[in-house]
Amino acid sequence: MRLTFLGGVGTVTGSKTLLELGRRRFLVDCGLFQGFKQLRLRNWERLPIEARSIDAVVLTHAHLDHSGYLPLLVKNGFARKIHATPGTRDLCAILLPDSGHLQELDADYANRHGFSKHHPALPLYTRADAVRALGNFETTPFGRARELGGGATLRFHRAGHIVGAAHVAIDGRGRRIVFSGDIGRPKDPVMRPPSAIEHADALVVEATYGDRRHPATDPEEALGDIVRRTAKRGGSVVIPAFAVGRSQSLLYHLWRLKTGRKIPDLPIFLDSPMAIEASALLAKHSADRRLGAAEWRAVCAVARATPSVEESKAIETNRVPSIVV
């Protein structure tokens, strides 16, 4: 086995790890570089390998820093299978077309305002490219073996990070290599805990926060204090949150605070179409969450969803203290 890191090293985005097993080439994760401009520009550089030479892609999870380069890989000639859990595939069906749409909007904005050195400015990939890439997905449930060819076998193990997130174990030629992906917390109140990995000959670990401990403060208590203080002075609480993962955690804590009467009975708005869709996916993939169906419905019902532009704008006319995620 030979590993080559094509991203996710020296920075926390753009995860792409090439695993070569004999003559077979497998790409574990296929993410976009995100953040500062010098990082985003790396998305436009050619990969050091031909896309068509890759035998399979394996995804740990759907976040764009692990999946967002897939439409470009397919556009550049990759025509084989993208292996993922069913939850990851469903989440990619939301995230990848949205990413393509945003790429198109960015290019259009650059052309209208004339600040790109390229004429015309083009998107990295389009929504149509993203939809096309979804046709390459092949799903495998947690724990089930999947043959990759060349004597390699894949298994997904629950990582507890977001819907569908997995540790990836690949066996070949008597050796096992495990890729952690992003790892969820053992005591997360919403998501099931990560599975234990009992054996690996090599382990590739996501370690963004590996050099520190999480603070011991209770996030629910801190959130309740902010809501109470803000509402007392007649203000509203606006919470910018990642649509996938963080928004669902916030809904859970707000539901607990509200049902426990630890915060005033304020209106709560979930003002993100993607967060609304991600919350519905967590309802569908019940094995990924700790909460039962009735409890999760109650969590989602704590907030009023505003999926349209008109509903989102209408929040501004609300004259009473409220909470907007």
Protein backbone atom coordinates (compact mmCIF):
# COMPACT_ATOMS: atom_id res chain seq x y z
CA MET A 1 0.00 0.00 0.00
CA ARG A 2 1.16 3.49 -0.81
CA LEU A 3 -0.40 6.79 0.34
CA THR A 4 -0.16 10.20 -1.33
CA PHE A 5 -1.85 13.20 0.29
CA LEU A 6 -3.33 15.52 -2.35
CA GLY A 7 -5.10 17.78 0.17
CA GLY A 8 -6.05 18.11 3.82
CA VAL A 9 -2.37 18.49 4.78
CA GLY A 10 -1.00 21.87 5.88
CA THR A 11 -4.62 23.06 6.00
CA VAL A 12 -7.92 21.58 7.14
CA THR A 13 -9.74 21.53 3.78
CA GLY A 14 -9.43 19.87 0.39
CA SER A 15 -9.17 16.33 1.79
CA LYS A 16 -7.98 13.92 -0.91
CA THR A 17 -5.86 10.85 -0.13
CA LEU A 18 -4.65 8.59 -2.91
CA LEU A 19 -4.31 4.94 -1.88
CA GLU A 20 -2.41 2.74 -4.34
CA LEU A 21 -2.69 -1.01 -3.91
CA GLY A 22 -0.68 -2.75 -6.59
CA ARG A 23 -1.95 -1.28 -9.84
CA ARG A 24 -5.23 -0.10 -8.30
CA ARG A 25 -5.79 3.54 -7.39
CA PHE A 26 -8.42 4.57 -4.86
CA LEU A 27 -9.14 8.16 -3.83
CA VAL A 28 -10.40 8.49 -0.25
CA ASP A 29 -12.41 11.73 -0.09
CA CYS A 30 -12.48 14.34 -2.81
CA GLY A 31 -12.88 17.71 -1.13
CA LEU A 32 -12.76 21.37 -2.06
CA PHE A 33 -10.20 23.74 -0.61
CA GLN A 34 -12.11 26.42 1.30
CA GLY A 35 -11.32 29.62 3.17
CA PHE A 36 -8.63 32.09 2.14
CA LYS A 37 -8.24 32.95 -1.55
CA GLN A 38 -4.83 31.28 -1.84
CA LEU A 39 -6.48 28.04 -0.70
CA ARG A 40 -9.50 28.37 -3.01
CA LEU A 41 -7.20 28.95 -5.97
CA ARG A 42 -5.81 25.44 -5.43
CA ASN A 43 -9.16 24.06 -6.63
CA TRP A 44 -8.24 25.29 -10.13
CA GLU A 45 -4.91 23.45 -10.23
CA ARG A 46 -4.77 20.13 -12.06
CA LEU A 47 -4.45 17.05 -9.89
CA PRO A 48 -1.06 15.33 -10.14
CA ILE A 49 -2.88 12.22 -11.42
CA GLU A 50 -5.35 11.78 -14.28
CA ALA A 51 -8.97 11.59 -13.12
CA ARG A 52 -9.63 8.65 -15.46
CA SER A 53 -6.78 6.66 -13.86
CA ILE A 54 -8.63 6.44 -10.52
CA ASP A 55 -10.40 3.09 -10.04
CA ALA A 56 -12.83 4.25 -7.32
CA VAL A 57 -13.57 7.10 -4.93
CA VAL A 58 -14.53 6.38 -1.32
CA LEU A 59 -16.18 9.11 0.79
CA THR A 60 -16.01 9.37 4.56
CA HIS A 61 -18.82 11.97 4.65
CA ALA A 62 -20.63 14.67 2.69
CA HIS A 63 -19.16 17.96 3.92
CA LEU A 64 -17.76 19.88 0.95
CA ASP A 65 -14.17 19.85 2.19
CA HIS A 66 -14.43 16.07 1.75
CA SER A 67 -16.83 15.76 -1.24
CA GLY A 68 -17.03 19.11 -3.04
CA TYR A 69 -14.41 18.37 -5.75
CA LEU A 70 -16.36 15.35 -7.06
CA PRO A 71 -18.25 17.21 -9.83
CA LEU A 72 -14.95 18.51 -11.21
CA LEU A 73 -13.35 15.04 -10.99
CA VAL A 74 -16.23 13.57 -13.03
CA LYS A 75 -16.09 16.52 -15.44
CA ASN A 76 -12.36 15.82 -15.95
CA GLY A 77 -12.89 12.18 -16.90
CA PHE A 78 -13.54 10.08 -13.80
CA ALA A 79 -16.28 7.63 -14.81
CA ARG A 80 -16.23 4.91 -12.14
CA LYS A 81 -17.93 4.37 -8.80
CA ILE A 82 -18.12 6.76 -5.86
CA HIS A 83 -18.64 4.62 -2.76
CA ALA A 84 -20.53 6.10 0.20
CA THR A 85 -23.07 5.25 2.86
CA PRO A 86 -26.74 5.88 1.96
CA GLY A 87 -26.81 8.88 4.32
CA THR A 88 -23.74 10.43 2.70
CA ARG A 89 -25.21 9.97 -0.77
CA ASP A 90 -28.49 11.63 0.28
CA LEU A 91 -26.64 14.54 1.85
CA CYS A 92 -24.41 14.96 -1.21
CA ALA A 93 -27.60 15.20 -3.29
CA ILE A 94 -28.30 18.42 -1.35
CA LEU A 95 -24.79 19.83 -0.95
CA LEU A 96 -23.20 19.23 -4.36
CA PRO A 97 -25.90 20.82 -6.58
CA ASP A 98 -26.02 23.76 -4.16
CA SER A 99 -22.24 24.12 -4.45
CA GLY A 100 -22.47 24.11 -8.24
CA HIS A 101 -25.19 26.76 -8.12
CA LEU A 102 -23.02 28.97 -5.91
CA GLN A 103 -20.08 28.53 -8.30
CA GLU A 104 -22.32 29.77 -11.12
CA LEU A 105 -23.50 32.75 -9.07
CA ASP A 106 -19.89 33.69 -8.22
CA ALA A 107 -18.89 33.60 -11.89
CA ASP A 108 -21.92 35.64 -12.90
CA TYR A 109 -21.18 38.24 -10.21
CA ALA A 110 -17.54 38.48 -11.35
CA ASN A 111 -18.63 39.01 -14.96
CA ARG A 112 -21.21 41.66 -14.08
CA HIS A 113 -18.78 43.62 -11.91
CA GLY A 114 -15.68 43.03 -14.04
CA PHE A 115 -13.23 42.10 -11.30
CA SER A 116 -12.03 38.77 -12.74
CA LYS A 117 -8.86 38.59 -14.82
CA HIS A 118 -10.59 35.89 -16.89
CA HIS A 119 -13.00 36.96 -19.64
CA PRO A 120 -15.48 35.56 -19.19
CA ALA A 121 -15.13 34.24 -15.64
CA LEU A 122 -16.28 30.61 -15.56
CA PRO A 123 -17.58 28.52 -12.64
CA LEU A 124 -15.34 25.79 -11.26
CA TYR A 125 -18.28 23.52 -12.07
CA THR A 126 -22.02 23.92 -12.56
CA ARG A 127 -25.12 22.56 -10.90
CA ALA A 128 -25.54 20.24 -13.90
CA ASP A 129 -21.99 18.91 -13.35
CA ALA A 130 -22.90 18.15 -9.73
CA VAL A 131 -26.10 16.34 -10.69
CA ARG A 132 -24.13 14.29 -13.22
CA ALA A 133 -21.62 13.25 -10.53
CA LEU A 134 -24.45 11.93 -8.34
CA GLY A 135 -25.05 9.25 -10.98
CA ASN A 136 -21.68 7.66 -10.10
CA PHE A 137 -22.63 6.97 -6.47
CA GLU A 138 -22.96 3.43 -5.18
CA THR A 139 -24.07 3.04 -1.57
CA THR A 140 -23.07 0.47 1.03
CA PRO A 141 -24.58 0.30 4.57
CA PHE A 142 -22.40 0.43 7.68
CA GLY A 143 -20.57 -2.82 8.40
CA ARG A 144 -21.21 -4.53 5.06
CA ALA A 145 -18.22 -5.59 2.92
CA ARG A 146 -17.88 -4.12 -0.58
CA GLU A 147 -15.35 -5.41 -3.12
CA LEU A 148 -13.35 -2.62 -4.73
CA GLY A 149 -11.39 -4.82 -7.14
CA GLY A 150 -7.77 -5.86 -7.12
CA GLY A 151 -8.30 -7.82 -3.90
CA ALA A 152 -9.36 -4.71 -1.94
CA THR A 153 -12.42 -4.76 0.33
CA LEU A 154 -14.17 -1.74 1.84
CA ARG A 155 -16.21 -1.43 5.04
CA PHE A 156 -17.86 1.67 6.50
CA HIS A 157 -18.08 2.10 10.29
CA ARG A 158 -20.16 4.79 11.98
CA ALA A 159 -18.20 7.99 12.74
CA GLY A 160 -21.00 9.93 14.50
CA HIS A 161 -20.11 13.25 12.86
CA ILE A 162 -23.10 13.99 10.59
CA VAL A 163 -25.69 11.87 8.74
CA GLY A 164 -23.89 9.01 7.01
CA ALA A 165 -20.41 9.90 8.31
CA ALA A 166 -18.07 6.92 8.38
CA HIS A 167 -14.67 5.60 9.28
CA VAL A 168 -13.38 3.87 6.14
CA ALA A 169 -11.57 0.54 6.49
CA ILE A 170 -9.89 -0.90 3.40
CA ASP A 171 -8.39 -4.40 3.45
CA GLY A 172 -5.95 -5.59 0.81
CA ARG A 173 -3.07 -8.06 0.57
CA GLY A 174 -3.32 -8.97 4.23
CA ARG A 175 -3.21 -5.38 5.48
CA ARG A 176 -5.86 -2.99 6.78
CA ILE A 177 -5.76 0.79 6.55
CA VAL A 178 -8.39 2.92 8.29
CA PHE A 179 -9.30 6.54 7.49
CA SER A 180 -11.09 8.26 10.34
CA GLY A 181 -12.84 11.05 8.44
CA ASP A 182 -14.24 13.66 10.81
CA ILE A 183 -15.06 12.10 14.18
CA GLY A 184 -18.18 12.81 16.23
CA ARG A 185 -18.21 13.14 19.99
CA PRO A 186 -18.98 10.03 22.06
CA LYS A 187 -21.59 11.87 24.13
CA ASP A 188 -23.19 14.03 21.42
CA PRO A 189 -26.85 14.48 22.43
CA VAL A 190 -28.20 14.10 18.87
CA MET A 191 -25.89 11.76 16.93
CA ARG A 192 -25.04 8.14 17.72
CA PRO A 193 -21.44 7.72 18.99
CA PRO A 194 -18.58 6.67 16.73
CA SER A 195 -17.91 2.95 16.36
CA ALA A 196 -14.75 1.57 17.90
CA ILE A 197 -12.03 0.48 15.47
CA GLU A 198 -10.36 -2.61 16.94
CA HIS A 199 -7.58 -3.22 14.44
CA ALA A 200 -5.62 -1.38 11.75
CA ASP A 201 -2.13 -1.75 10.33
CA ALA A 202 -2.20 1.95 9.46
CA LEU A 203 -4.48 4.73 10.65
CA VAL A 204 -5.03 8.10 8.93
CA VAL A 205 -6.66 10.42 11.46
CA GLU A 206 -8.43 13.75 11.12
CA ALA A 207 -6.64 15.83 13.76
CA THR A 208 -7.75 19.43 13.35
CA TYR A 209 -8.48 19.69 17.08
CA GLY A 210 -6.14 16.91 18.17
CA ASP A 211 -3.91 19.23 20.19
CA ARG A 212 -6.57 20.63 22.52
CA ARG A 213 -9.43 19.67 24.81
CA HIS A 214 -12.99 20.88 24.47
CA PRO A 215 -13.95 23.37 27.20
CA ALA A 216 -15.88 21.96 30.14
CA THR A 217 -18.66 24.56 29.89
CA ASP A 218 -22.21 23.35 29.27
CA PRO A 219 -23.23 24.73 25.82
CA GLU A 220 -26.92 24.48 26.65
CA GLU A 221 -26.46 26.54 29.81
CA ALA A 222 -24.39 29.15 27.94
CA LEU A 223 -26.99 29.35 25.14
CA GLY A 224 -29.82 29.74 27.64
CA ASP A 225 -28.00 32.58 29.39
CA ILE A 226 -27.52 34.46 26.09
CA VAL A 227 -31.19 34.04 25.14
CA ARG A 228 -32.46 35.19 28.55
CA ARG A 229 -30.20 38.27 28.69
CA THR A 230 -31.02 39.30 25.11
CA ALA A 231 -34.78 38.80 25.47
CA LYS A 232 -34.81 40.74 28.75
CA ARG A 233 -33.61 43.85 26.95
CA GLY A 234 -36.04 43.33 24.07
CA GLY A 235 -33.53 41.99 21.56
CA SER A 236 -33.44 39.03 19.20
CA VAL A 237 -30.78 36.31 19.05
CA VAL A 238 -29.30 35.62 15.60
CA ILE A 239 -27.17 32.46 15.43
CA PRO A 240 -25.03 31.87 12.31
CA ALA A 241 -24.69 28.08 12.08
CA PHE A 242 -23.47 25.39 9.72
CA ALA A 243 -26.56 24.00 7.99
CA VAL A 244 -25.49 20.37 8.38
CA GLY A 245 -24.81 19.20 11.91
CA ARG A 246 -24.59 22.39 13.95
CA SER A 247 -28.10 23.65 13.15
CA GLN A 248 -29.61 20.35 14.26
CA SER A 249 -27.66 20.48 17.54
CA LEU A 250 -28.91 24.03 18.15
CA LEU A 251 -32.52 22.98 17.56
CA TYR A 252 -32.12 20.20 20.12
CA HIS A 253 -30.71 22.52 22.79
CA LEU A 254 -33.33 25.21 22.09
CA TRP A 255 -36.07 22.57 22.33
CA ARG A 256 -34.74 21.41 25.71
CA LEU A 257 -34.44 24.97 27.00
CA LYS A 258 -37.93 25.85 25.83
CA THR A 259 -39.70 22.72 27.09
CA GLY A 260 -37.81 23.02 30.38
CA ARG A 261 -38.99 26.66 30.64
CA LYS A 262 -35.40 27.82 31.01
CA ILE A 263 -35.86 30.50 28.33
CA PRO A 264 -38.86 32.69 27.48
CA ASP A 265 -41.38 31.33 24.99
CA LEU A 266 -39.89 33.18 22.01
CA PRO A 267 -40.60 32.37 18.36
CA ILE A 268 -37.73 30.42 16.79
CA PHE A 269 -36.97 30.48 13.05
CA LEU A 270 -34.84 28.00 11.10
CA ASP A 271 -33.87 30.36 8.30
CA SER A 272 -31.91 28.07 5.97
CA PRO A 273 -33.34 25.85 3.21
CA MET A 274 -30.31 23.56 3.47
CA ALA A 275 -30.63 23.21 7.26
CA ILE A 276 -34.33 22.41 6.80
CA GLU A 277 -33.46 19.64 4.29
CA ALA A 278 -30.64 18.31 6.49
CA SER A 279 -33.01 18.10 9.47
CA ALA A 280 -35.47 16.10 7.36
CA LEU A 281 -32.65 13.75 6.32
CA LEU A 282 -31.83 13.10 9.96
CA ALA A 283 -35.48 12.10 10.39
CA LYS A 284 -35.11 9.65 7.47
CA HIS A 285 -31.81 8.14 8.65
CA SER A 286 -33.02 7.26 12.12
CA ALA A 287 -30.15 4.85 12.87
CA ASP A 288 -27.72 7.79 12.82
CA ARG A 289 -29.37 9.61 15.72
CA ARG A 290 -29.88 8.89 19.39
CA LEU A 291 -33.37 10.36 19.53
CA GLY A 292 -36.58 8.47 18.79
CA ALA A 293 -38.90 9.51 15.96
CA ALA A 294 -41.41 11.36 18.17
CA GLU A 295 -38.66 13.18 20.03
CA TRP A 296 -36.93 14.26 16.80
CA ARG A 297 -40.25 15.54 15.38
CA ALA A 298 -40.67 17.60 18.54
CA VAL A 299 -37.14 19.00 18.19
CA CYS A 300 -37.80 20.05 14.58
CA ALA A 301 -41.19 21.51 15.50
CA VAL A 302 -39.62 23.94 17.99
CA ALA A 303 -38.67 26.20 15.07
CA ARG A 304 -40.67 27.63 12.21
CA ALA A 305 -38.97 26.75 8.93
CA THR A 306 -38.59 29.59 6.41
CA PRO A 307 -37.53 27.90 3.13
CA SER A 308 -38.51 30.72 0.75
CA VAL A 309 -36.96 34.15 0.21
CA GLU A 310 -40.28 35.81 1.06
CA GLU A 311 -40.59 33.94 4.36
CA SER A 312 -37.00 34.77 5.21
CA LYS A 313 -37.50 38.48 4.55
CA ALA A 314 -40.69 38.46 6.61
CA ILE A 315 -38.64 37.68 9.75
CA GLU A 316 -37.37 41.26 9.63
CA THR A 317 -40.92 42.57 10.13
CA ASN A 318 -41.28 40.55 13.33
CA ARG A 319 -41.41 43.10 16.19
CA VAL A 320 -41.14 40.73 19.13
CA PRO A 321 -37.91 39.20 20.50
CA SER A 322 -37.09 35.99 18.64
CA ILE A 323 -34.36 33.48 17.87
CA VAL A 324 -33.12 33.08 14.29
CA VAL A 325 -30.85 30.16 13.35
